[in-house]
Each structure stands twice: as C-alpha cells, then as structure tokens.
Amino acid sequence: MDDSVVVGENSVAATRAALAAPGDRHVVGWVDLTSPHLVDLLDELLTGPGGDRLVALRSDIVDGRLDELPIRRGLNTLQDAILGFHTLDPELRAAIHQRHPRLRLHP
C-alpha cells in the first residue's frame, strides 16, 4: 500500500473533506458507481479543492454485480477519467481486471 489517505466513510462528503484537508497525500475517495450523476461528480471532485490529489475511488460493489449495466458504466467512467479503482479483495480485483483491463487498480 502506498501513502494514500483512504476515506473510510462511504460518503462523497467524506471524500470532499479529505481532499480539502491540508497536506499533499494522495486520496482514495468513495463514490456510488451507479449514480446517474457520476460524470458530474467526478468533474466536481477533480476540479475542486485538492482534486489534483484524487488518485482512485472505491465503491460498494461485489463480484456478482460486475456485469450489471450501472456498475459497468461506473467503472468505464472511472477509466475515462483516468482514475483508479481501489479494492483489497483479490477476487474482485481479478474480476474487474478481466472485464476492464484498462482500468488502473489502486493498491
């Protein structure tokens, strides 16, 4: 694991707070990958205070849901934004890599 701050709370507000906090550590935030407003939210996070420190996002997904259209769209959106996805679950990492080989998986 690198020196990133991983937002432990499953909320965008906690991600915003971590990005706005003083310091230069990278931030792994949280988003709802199924949100219909994900593109706008990512734009807001990346261009807002501390947005240059956002390196990856995590979300509440499980392997059994990876083929659902909203999850696929969300992971593709992260990939297009050149953000990584963070999970410590090795099986989920492998399944995501198989379906989204260009998506960077954050340690």
C-alpha atoms as a PDB file:
ATOM      1  CA  MET A   1       0.000   0.000   0.000  1.00  0.00           C
ATOM      2  CA  ASP A   2       1.269   3.464  -0.803  1.00  0.00           C
ATOM      3  CA  ASP A   3       0.975   6.564   1.367  1.00  0.00           C
ATOM      4  CA  SER A   4      -2.560   7.457   0.248  1.00  0.00           C
ATOM      5  CA  VAL A   5      -5.327   8.504   2.591  1.00  0.00           C
ATOM      6  CA  VAL A   6      -8.211   6.065   2.137  1.00  0.00           C
ATOM      7  CA  VAL A   7     -11.564   7.608   3.011  1.00  0.00           C
ATOM      8  CA  GLY A   8     -13.184   5.104   5.352  1.00  0.00           C
ATOM      9  CA  GLU A   9     -16.676   6.533   5.320  1.00  0.00           C
ATOM     10  CA  ASN A  10     -18.944   5.671   2.399  1.00  0.00           C
ATOM     11  CA  SER A  11     -19.875   9.228   1.554  1.00  0.00           C
ATOM     12  CA  VAL A  12     -18.975  11.823  -1.019  1.00  0.00           C
ATOM     13  CA  ALA A  13     -18.915  14.412   1.790  1.00  0.00           C
ATOM     14  CA  ALA A  14     -16.072  12.491   3.474  1.00  0.00           C
ATOM     15  CA  THR A  15     -14.220  12.377   0.146  1.00  0.00           C
ATOM     16  CA  ARG A  16     -14.621  16.135  -0.280  1.00  0.00           C
ATOM     17  CA  ALA A  17     -13.381  16.698   3.284  1.00  0.00           C
ATOM     18  CA  ALA A  18     -10.303  14.520   2.728  1.00  0.00           C
ATOM     19  CA  LEU A  19      -9.478  16.379  -0.479  1.00  0.00           C
ATOM     20  CA  ALA A  20      -9.925  19.784   1.178  1.00  0.00           C
ATOM     21  CA  ALA A  21      -7.755  18.860   4.185  1.00  0.00           C
ATOM     22  CA  PRO A  22      -4.276  20.369   4.253  1.00  0.00           C
ATOM     23  CA  GLY A  23      -1.469  18.176   3.071  1.00  0.00           C
ATOM     24  CA  ASP A  24      -0.087  16.619  -0.042  1.00  0.00           C
ATOM     25  CA  ARG A  25      -1.010  12.953   0.394  1.00  0.00           C
ATOM     26  CA  HIS A  26      -2.976  11.237  -2.351  1.00  0.00           C
ATOM     27  CA  VAL A  27      -6.618  10.493  -1.612  1.00  0.00           C
ATOM     28  CA  VAL A  28      -8.651   7.381  -2.331  1.00  0.00           C
ATOM     29  CA  GLY A  29     -12.262   8.530  -2.097  1.00  0.00           C
ATOM     30  CA  TRP A  30     -15.671   6.937  -2.276  1.00  0.00           C
ATOM     31  CA  VAL A  31     -18.464   7.277  -4.846  1.00  0.00           C
ATOM     32  CA  ASP A  32     -21.620   5.451  -5.773  1.00  0.00           C
ATOM     33  CA  LEU A  33     -20.662   3.939  -9.130  1.00  0.00           C
ATOM     34  CA  THR A  34     -24.331   3.574 -10.053  1.00  0.00           C
ATOM     35  CA  SER A  35     -25.117   7.279  -9.641  1.00  0.00           C
ATOM     36  CA  PRO A  36     -26.633   8.832 -12.769  1.00  0.00           C
ATOM     37  CA  HIS A  37     -24.598  11.956 -11.897  1.00  0.00           C
ATOM     38  CA  LEU A  38     -21.214  10.206 -11.666  1.00  0.00           C
ATOM     39  CA  VAL A  39     -19.594  12.144 -14.527  1.00  0.00           C
ATOM     40  CA  ASP A  40     -20.562  15.493 -12.989  1.00  0.00           C
ATOM     41  CA  LEU A  41     -19.480  14.338  -9.534  1.00  0.00           C
ATOM     42  CA  LEU A  42     -16.056  13.241 -10.768  1.00  0.00           C
ATOM     43  CA  ASP A  43     -15.630  16.555 -12.558  1.00  0.00           C
ATOM     44  CA  GLU A  44     -16.533  18.380  -9.350  1.00  0.00           C
ATOM     45  CA  LEU A  45     -14.124  16.312  -7.245  1.00  0.00           C
ATOM     46  CA  LEU A  46     -11.257  16.597  -9.725  1.00  0.00           C
ATOM     47  CA  THR A  47     -11.593  20.352 -10.243  1.00  0.00           C
ATOM     48  CA  GLY A  48     -12.461  21.248  -6.642  1.00  0.00           C
ATOM     49  CA  PRO A  49     -10.141  21.820  -3.689  1.00  0.00           C
ATOM     50  CA  GLY A  50      -7.483  19.105  -3.557  1.00  0.00           C
ATOM     51  CA  GLY A  51      -8.788  17.438  -6.703  1.00  0.00           C
ATOM     52  CA  ASP A  52      -5.273  17.023  -8.024  1.00  0.00           C
ATOM     53  CA  ARG A  53      -4.634  14.605  -5.125  1.00  0.00           C
ATOM     54  CA  LEU A  54      -7.520  12.255  -6.017  1.00  0.00           C
ATOM     55  CA  VAL A  55      -5.916   9.076  -7.364  1.00  0.00           C
ATOM     56  CA  ALA A  56      -8.600   6.433  -7.001  1.00  0.00           C
ATOM     57  CA  LEU A  57     -12.102   5.732  -5.814  1.00  0.00           C
ATOM     58  CA  ARG A  58     -13.745   2.853  -4.080  1.00  0.00           C
ATOM     59  CA  SER A  59     -17.373   1.811  -4.036  1.00  0.00           C
ATOM     60  CA  ASP A  60     -19.645  -0.815  -2.580  1.00  0.00           C
ATOM     61  CA  ILE A  61     -19.645  -3.432  -5.309  1.00  0.00           C
ATOM     62  CA  VAL A  62     -19.262  -7.167  -5.248  1.00  0.00           C
ATOM     63  CA  ASP A  63     -18.132  -9.566  -7.932  1.00  0.00           C
ATOM     64  CA  GLY A  64     -21.658 -10.830  -8.543  1.00  0.00           C
ATOM     65  CA  ARG A  65     -22.761  -7.354  -9.663  1.00  0.00           C
ATOM     66  CA  LEU A  66     -19.923  -6.532 -12.069  1.00  0.00           C
ATOM     67  CA  ASP A  67     -21.978  -7.386 -15.140  1.00  0.00           C
ATOM     68  CA  GLU A  68     -24.843  -5.071 -14.200  1.00  0.00           C
ATOM     69  CA  LEU A  69     -25.045  -2.147 -16.615  1.00  0.00           C
ATOM     70  CA  PRO A  70     -24.829   0.643 -13.983  1.00  0.00           C
ATOM     71  CA  ILE A  71     -21.677  -0.912 -12.484  1.00  0.00           C
ATOM     72  CA  ARG A  72     -20.076  -1.369 -15.914  1.00  0.00           C
ATOM     73  CA  ARG A  73     -20.878   2.247 -16.773  1.00  0.00           C
ATOM     74  CA  GLY A  74     -19.405   3.452 -13.479  1.00  0.00           C
ATOM     75  CA  LEU A  75     -16.158   1.537 -13.923  1.00  0.00           C
ATOM     76  CA  ASN A  76     -15.891   2.778 -17.512  1.00  0.00           C
ATOM     77  CA  THR A  77     -16.422   6.333 -16.260  1.00  0.00           C
ATOM     78  CA  LEU A  78     -13.541   5.948 -13.789  1.00  0.00           C
ATOM     79  CA  GLN A  79     -11.389   4.557 -16.570  1.00  0.00           C
ATOM     80  CA  ASP A  80     -12.255   7.500 -18.850  1.00  0.00           C
ATOM     81  CA  ALA A  81     -11.413   9.954 -16.053  1.00  0.00           C
ATOM     82  CA  ILE A  82      -8.033   8.198 -15.672  1.00  0.00           C
ATOM     83  CA  LEU A  83      -8.778   7.384 -12.062  1.00  0.00           C
ATOM     84  CA  GLY A  84      -8.058   4.080 -10.429  1.00  0.00           C
ATOM     85  CA  PHE A  85     -10.384   1.776  -8.558  1.00  0.00           C
ATOM     86  CA  HIS A  86      -9.441   0.672  -5.064  1.00  0.00           C
ATOM     87  CA  THR A  87     -10.291  -2.676  -3.512  1.00  0.00           C
ATOM     88  CA  LEU A  88      -8.391  -5.001  -1.222  1.00  0.00           C
ATOM     89  CA  ASP A  89     -10.432  -8.036  -2.319  1.00  0.00           C
ATOM     90  CA  PRO A  90      -8.154 -10.095  -4.609  1.00  0.00           C
ATOM     91  CA  GLU A  91     -11.057 -11.908  -6.260  1.00  0.00           C
ATOM     92  CA  LEU A  92     -12.829  -8.624  -7.022  1.00  0.00           C
ATOM     93  CA  ARG A  93      -9.571  -7.152  -8.367  1.00  0.00           C
ATOM     94  CA  ALA A  94      -9.157 -10.126 -10.717  1.00  0.00           C
ATOM     95  CA  ALA A  95     -12.778  -9.943 -11.879  1.00  0.00           C
ATOM     96  CA  ILE A  96     -12.558  -6.197 -12.525  1.00  0.00           C
ATOM     97  CA  HIS A  97      -9.271  -6.602 -14.378  1.00  0.00           C
ATOM     98  CA  GLN A  98     -10.791  -9.308 -16.561  1.00  0.00           C
ATOM     99  CA  ARG A  99     -13.764  -7.112 -17.515  1.00  0.00           C
ATOM    100  CA  HIS A 100     -11.987  -3.729 -17.555  1.00  0.00           C
ATOM    101  CA  PRO A 101      -8.338  -4.420 -18.429  1.00  0.00           C
ATOM    102  CA  ARG A 102      -7.521  -0.732 -18.997  1.00  0.00           C
ATOM    103  CA  LEU A 103      -8.853   0.373 -15.600  1.00  0.00           C
ATOM    104  CA  ARG A 104      -5.995   1.018 -13.203  1.00  0.00           C
ATOM    105  CA  LEU A 105      -6.399  -0.855  -9.938  1.00  0.00           C
ATOM    106  CA  HIS A 106      -5.036   1.090  -6.998  1.00  0.00           C
ATOM    107  CA  PRO A 107      -3.113  -0.904  -4.405  1.00  0.00           C
END
